[in-house]
Amino acid sequence: MVKYVRIAINTLQEYFVYRINFLFWRVQVFVTFVIFFSLWSSVSAGQSSLGAYSIPQLYSYFVVGYVIRAFVFTTRTADIGGDIQNGNLSSLIIKPIGTIKYYFSRDLVDKLFNLFFMFWEFLLILFLFKPVLVIPSVLNFVFFLLFLLVSTITFFFYSLIISFLTFWSDNAWPSRFLFGVVFVTLFSGQYVPLDFLPPFLARIIDYTPYPYMYYYPVRIWLGQTSPEMALTHLMGGLVACLGCFVVAQFLWLKGKHKYQSYGN
């Protein structure tokens, strides 16, 4: 355990070396939120509700989602594709550490670091927009926290799957952009609530891991899900998490046998 703590500390130190990169990343995330929040505020202006959402629920959907995005969807697993391409993975494989545990340690520090700055950004959002937010019941809040944990682990293994595809491709970026940015953003409900989509499309997405990463946790917070249904969704999230874990392990075992690195 000590060596993974050391890895986490080294990762934290990297952020203080490349401070501008991290600053630009947080500015990008904040500006993106402001744009989409302003858009939905304009769409809902003068209305008491929009679809199945009251205006406080709609605002809470995106503001609470901002917290989820800061914790669940921040990751360092995107580095794996580059490590595979440039041969840096070799130095990890020969070390007496678990490669996946190594990336998980870095991932956890990345999430906690982003979460710290997100807290101040969240206060800024409340100051600038003064949204009326929905406060969940104690039971829903507990379900939300459990779902947040499951979503975080699910996305970690899902992101590993995308990165491990680099074992069979020449470039890590196309798969990362398509599956790790476009699909996750659209199909998890980050920009548009999934119940705004055509029913047949929403049913198809429901069989994927995406809604369990964002959409269902937010609905639980908003109180739009009964305790029984919340438990059902949580079980579905655990199944999605287990599925991503199995696929990630399979690709890792197969990819290691295919991996080649040359040079001195």
Protein backbone atom coordinates (compact mmCIF):
# COMPACT_ATOMS: atom_id res chain seq x y z
CA MET A 1 0.00 0.00 0.00
CA VAL A 2 2.89 2.36 0.77
CA LYS A 3 4.12 2.35 -2.83
CA TYR A 4 0.70 3.36 -4.15
CA VAL A 5 0.54 6.19 -1.63
CA ARG A 6 3.92 7.32 -2.99
CA ILE A 7 2.52 7.17 -6.53
CA ALA A 8 -0.44 9.30 -5.43
CA ILE A 9 1.89 11.87 -3.85
CA ASN A 10 4.01 12.03 -7.01
CA THR A 11 0.87 12.56 -9.08
CA LEU A 12 -0.19 15.41 -6.81
CA GLN A 13 3.22 17.01 -7.20
CA GLU A 14 2.83 16.92 -10.99
CA TYR A 15 -0.14 19.29 -10.75
CA PHE A 16 1.99 21.89 -8.98
CA VAL A 17 4.63 21.60 -11.70
CA TYR A 18 2.16 22.01 -14.59
CA ARG A 19 -0.21 24.48 -12.89
CA ILE A 20 -1.21 26.32 -16.08
CA ASN A 21 -2.39 23.11 -17.77
CA PHE A 22 -4.66 22.31 -14.85
CA LEU A 23 -5.91 25.90 -14.66
CA PHE A 24 -6.89 25.89 -18.34
CA TRP A 25 -8.67 22.55 -17.84
CA ARG A 26 -10.78 23.90 -14.95
CA VAL A 27 -11.58 27.08 -16.90
CA GLN A 28 -12.70 24.98 -19.85
CA VAL A 29 -14.99 22.87 -17.64
CA PHE A 30 -16.47 25.93 -15.93
CA VAL A 31 -17.07 27.86 -19.16
CA THR A 32 -18.72 24.81 -20.75
CA PHE A 33 -21.07 24.54 -17.79
CA VAL A 34 -21.93 28.24 -17.92
CA ILE A 35 -22.78 27.98 -21.62
CA PHE A 36 -25.11 25.00 -21.23
CA PHE A 37 -26.67 26.27 -18.01
CA SER A 38 -27.40 29.61 -19.69
CA LEU A 39 -28.88 27.77 -22.67
CA TRP A 40 -31.27 25.73 -20.53
CA SER A 41 -32.13 28.80 -18.47
CA SER A 42 -33.16 30.58 -21.67
CA VAL A 43 -35.17 27.59 -22.87
CA SER A 44 -37.07 27.37 -19.58
CA ALA A 45 -37.52 31.15 -19.14
CA GLY A 46 -41.10 32.08 -18.26
CA GLN A 47 -42.16 28.46 -17.71
CA SER A 48 -43.05 26.64 -14.51
CA SER A 49 -41.77 23.31 -15.81
CA LEU A 50 -40.06 21.70 -18.76
CA GLY A 51 -41.07 18.16 -19.55
CA ALA A 52 -41.10 16.12 -16.34
CA TYR A 53 -38.90 18.67 -14.57
CA SER A 54 -39.91 21.66 -12.52
CA ILE A 55 -37.58 24.63 -12.95
CA PRO A 56 -35.76 23.95 -9.62
CA GLN A 57 -35.37 20.32 -10.68
CA LEU A 58 -34.02 21.36 -14.07
CA TYR A 59 -31.48 23.71 -12.51
CA SER A 60 -30.52 21.06 -9.96
CA TYR A 61 -30.09 18.52 -12.76
CA PHE A 62 -27.17 20.48 -14.19
CA VAL A 63 -25.74 22.01 -11.01
CA VAL A 64 -25.63 18.67 -9.15
CA GLY A 65 -24.39 17.14 -12.38
CA TYR A 66 -21.47 19.57 -12.25
CA VAL A 67 -20.38 17.90 -9.04
CA ILE A 68 -20.75 14.45 -10.60
CA ARG A 69 -18.69 15.44 -13.62
CA ALA A 70 -15.90 16.75 -11.39
CA PHE A 71 -15.62 13.46 -9.54
CA VAL A 72 -16.76 10.71 -11.89
CA PHE A 73 -15.52 11.87 -15.29
CA THR A 74 -12.10 13.25 -14.39
CA THR A 75 -9.47 10.60 -15.06
CA ARG A 76 -5.81 9.92 -15.73
CA THR A 77 -6.49 6.69 -17.60
CA ALA A 78 -6.31 8.68 -20.82
CA ASP A 79 -2.53 8.62 -20.31
CA ILE A 80 -2.46 4.86 -20.93
CA GLY A 81 -2.96 5.21 -24.68
CA GLY A 82 0.10 7.45 -24.94
CA ASP A 83 2.11 5.14 -22.67
CA ILE A 84 1.31 2.21 -24.96
CA GLN A 85 2.19 4.15 -28.11
CA ASN A 86 5.50 5.61 -26.93
CA GLY A 87 6.62 2.52 -25.02
CA ASN A 88 6.46 3.99 -21.51
CA LEU A 89 4.23 1.10 -20.48
CA SER A 90 7.33 -1.11 -20.50
CA SER A 91 8.79 0.64 -17.45
CA LEU A 92 5.56 -0.03 -15.54
CA ILE A 93 5.23 -3.68 -16.50
CA ILE A 94 8.71 -4.55 -15.21
CA LYS A 95 8.18 -2.80 -11.86
CA PRO A 96 6.84 -4.66 -8.80
CA ILE A 97 3.52 -2.82 -8.90
CA GLY A 98 0.11 -3.58 -10.32
CA THR A 99 -0.31 -1.54 -13.50
CA ILE A 100 -4.06 -1.05 -13.05
CA LYS A 101 -3.54 -0.18 -9.36
CA TYR A 102 -0.93 2.34 -10.46
CA TYR A 103 -3.39 4.12 -12.73
CA PHE A 104 -6.15 3.88 -10.12
CA SER A 105 -3.91 5.65 -7.60
CA ARG A 106 -3.27 8.45 -10.06
CA ASP A 107 -6.95 8.52 -10.98
CA LEU A 108 -8.04 8.95 -7.37
CA VAL A 109 -5.69 11.88 -6.79
CA ASP A 110 -6.92 13.50 -10.00
CA LYS A 111 -10.53 13.21 -8.81
CA LEU A 112 -9.82 14.61 -5.36
CA PHE A 113 -7.79 17.49 -6.79
CA ASN A 114 -10.55 18.38 -9.26
CA LEU A 115 -13.15 18.02 -6.51
CA PHE A 116 -11.32 20.55 -4.36
CA PHE A 117 -11.39 23.19 -7.08
CA MET A 118 -14.91 22.24 -8.09
CA PHE A 119 -16.08 23.20 -4.59
CA TRP A 120 -15.04 26.82 -5.12
CA GLU A 121 -16.44 26.81 -8.64
CA PHE A 122 -19.70 25.46 -7.22
CA LEU A 123 -19.88 28.39 -4.80
CA LEU A 124 -19.23 30.74 -7.71
CA ILE A 125 -22.08 29.16 -9.65
CA LEU A 126 -24.44 29.69 -6.71
CA PHE A 127 -23.30 33.31 -6.45
CA LEU A 128 -23.61 34.09 -10.17
CA PHE A 129 -26.85 32.27 -11.03
CA LYS A 130 -28.53 31.93 -7.63
CA PRO A 131 -30.41 28.79 -8.77
CA VAL A 132 -33.16 27.36 -6.59
CA LEU A 133 -31.97 23.80 -5.97
CA VAL A 134 -33.74 20.65 -4.85
CA ILE A 135 -32.58 19.27 -1.51
CA PRO A 136 -32.85 15.45 -1.39
CA SER A 137 -34.23 13.42 1.46
CA VAL A 138 -31.77 11.59 3.70
CA LEU A 139 -32.58 8.26 2.02
CA ASN A 140 -32.12 9.70 -1.47
CA PHE A 141 -28.86 11.33 -0.42
CA VAL A 142 -27.54 7.97 0.81
CA PHE A 143 -28.59 6.32 -2.46
CA PHE A 144 -26.93 9.19 -4.35
CA LEU A 145 -23.61 8.70 -2.54
CA LEU A 146 -23.68 4.95 -3.14
CA PHE A 147 -24.47 5.53 -6.80
CA LEU A 148 -21.66 8.09 -7.03
CA LEU A 149 -19.19 5.47 -5.79
CA VAL A 150 -20.45 2.86 -8.26
CA SER A 151 -20.41 5.41 -11.11
CA THR A 152 -16.83 6.38 -10.34
CA ILE A 153 -15.57 2.80 -10.43
CA THR A 154 -17.65 2.04 -13.53
CA PHE A 155 -16.19 4.96 -15.44
CA PHE A 156 -12.66 4.03 -14.35
CA PHE A 157 -12.93 0.56 -15.89
CA TYR A 158 -14.85 1.90 -18.88
CA SER A 159 -12.05 4.39 -19.50
CA LEU A 160 -9.52 1.58 -19.15
CA ILE A 161 -11.34 -0.31 -21.90
CA ILE A 162 -11.01 2.67 -24.23
CA SER A 163 -7.32 3.08 -23.44
CA PHE A 164 -6.58 -0.63 -23.88
CA LEU A 165 -7.96 -0.44 -27.43
CA THR A 166 -4.66 1.28 -28.26
CA PHE A 167 -3.03 -2.18 -28.15
CA TRP A 168 -4.81 -2.83 -31.48
CA SER A 169 -4.61 0.62 -33.07
CA ASP A 170 -1.96 3.09 -34.12
CA ASN A 171 -3.52 6.12 -32.47
CA ALA A 172 -5.18 6.44 -29.08
CA TRP A 173 -7.02 9.70 -29.76
CA PRO A 174 -9.87 8.62 -32.13
CA SER A 175 -11.26 5.96 -29.79
CA ARG A 176 -10.76 8.23 -26.75
CA PHE A 177 -12.64 11.09 -28.41
CA LEU A 178 -15.50 8.96 -29.74
CA PHE A 179 -16.14 6.62 -26.80
CA GLY A 180 -14.68 8.67 -23.96
CA VAL A 181 -16.01 12.12 -24.90
CA VAL A 182 -18.83 12.02 -27.45
CA PHE A 183 -20.64 8.86 -26.30
CA VAL A 184 -20.20 9.55 -22.60
CA THR A 185 -21.29 13.17 -22.86
CA LEU A 186 -24.37 12.51 -24.97
CA PHE A 187 -25.58 9.14 -23.71
CA SER A 188 -25.03 9.72 -19.98
CA GLY A 189 -27.39 12.70 -20.08
CA GLN A 190 -24.88 15.42 -19.25
CA TYR A 191 -26.19 17.93 -21.78
CA VAL A 192 -29.73 16.67 -22.39
CA PRO A 193 -31.80 14.63 -19.89
CA LEU A 194 -32.34 11.20 -21.40
CA ASP A 195 -36.12 11.37 -20.95
CA PHE A 196 -36.09 14.24 -23.46
CA LEU A 197 -34.86 11.81 -26.13
CA PRO A 198 -37.14 9.64 -28.30
CA PRO A 199 -38.36 6.67 -26.19
CA PHE A 200 -36.82 4.02 -28.45
CA LEU A 201 -33.41 5.69 -28.22
CA ALA A 202 -33.67 6.07 -24.44
CA ARG A 203 -34.48 2.34 -24.13
CA ILE A 204 -31.40 1.42 -26.17
CA ILE A 205 -29.16 3.66 -24.05
CA ASP A 206 -30.61 2.06 -20.93
CA TYR A 207 -28.79 -1.17 -21.83
CA THR A 208 -25.43 0.60 -21.78
CA PRO A 209 -23.32 1.78 -18.80
CA TYR A 210 -23.79 5.45 -19.71
CA PRO A 211 -26.99 6.40 -17.82
CA TYR A 212 -25.64 4.82 -14.63
CA MET A 213 -22.73 7.26 -14.65
CA TYR A 214 -24.81 10.45 -14.54
CA TYR A 215 -28.52 10.30 -15.38
CA TYR A 216 -29.77 7.92 -12.70
CA PRO A 217 -27.73 9.42 -9.84
CA VAL A 218 -29.14 12.88 -10.64
CA ARG A 219 -32.69 11.55 -10.82
CA ILE A 220 -32.24 10.01 -7.38
CA TRP A 221 -31.08 13.36 -6.03
CA LEU A 222 -34.12 15.07 -7.56
CA GLY A 223 -36.50 12.58 -5.93
CA GLN A 224 -37.87 11.43 -9.29
CA THR A 225 -37.17 7.81 -8.41
CA SER A 226 -38.87 5.74 -5.72
CA PRO A 227 -36.66 3.90 -3.19
CA GLU A 228 -37.51 0.59 -4.85
CA MET A 229 -36.61 1.90 -8.31
CA ALA A 230 -33.48 3.58 -6.93
CA LEU A 231 -32.36 0.21 -5.57
CA THR A 232 -33.10 -1.39 -8.95
CA HIS A 233 -31.02 1.25 -10.74
CA LEU A 234 -28.22 0.78 -8.21
CA MET A 235 -28.20 -2.96 -8.93
CA GLY A 236 -28.10 -2.15 -12.64
CA GLY A 237 -25.14 0.14 -11.98
CA LEU A 238 -23.33 -2.68 -10.16
CA VAL A 239 -23.94 -4.97 -13.13
CA ALA A 240 -22.57 -2.31 -15.50
CA CYS A 241 -19.56 -1.88 -13.21
CA LEU A 242 -18.89 -5.62 -13.14
CA GLY A 243 -19.27 -5.83 -16.93
CA CYS A 244 -16.75 -3.03 -17.49
CA PHE A 245 -14.36 -4.66 -15.01
CA VAL A 246 -14.50 -8.02 -16.81
CA VAL A 247 -14.00 -6.49 -20.25
CA ALA A 248 -11.13 -4.29 -19.01
CA GLN A 249 -9.37 -7.28 -17.45
CA PHE A 250 -9.84 -9.33 -20.63
CA LEU A 251 -8.40 -6.59 -22.86
CA TRP A 252 -5.51 -6.05 -20.46
CA LEU A 253 -4.53 -9.72 -20.49
CA LYS A 254 -4.85 -9.95 -24.26
CA GLY A 255 -3.15 -6.60 -24.86
CA LYS A 256 -0.08 -7.44 -22.80
CA HIS A 257 0.62 -10.40 -25.07
CA LYS A 258 0.31 -8.19 -28.14
CA TYR A 259 2.26 -5.24 -26.74
CA GLN A 260 5.70 -4.58 -28.23
CA SER A 261 8.20 -1.87 -27.42
CA TYR A 262 11.46 -1.09 -29.17
CA GLY A 263 14.39 1.16 -28.36
CA ASN A 264 17.03 1.56 -25.70
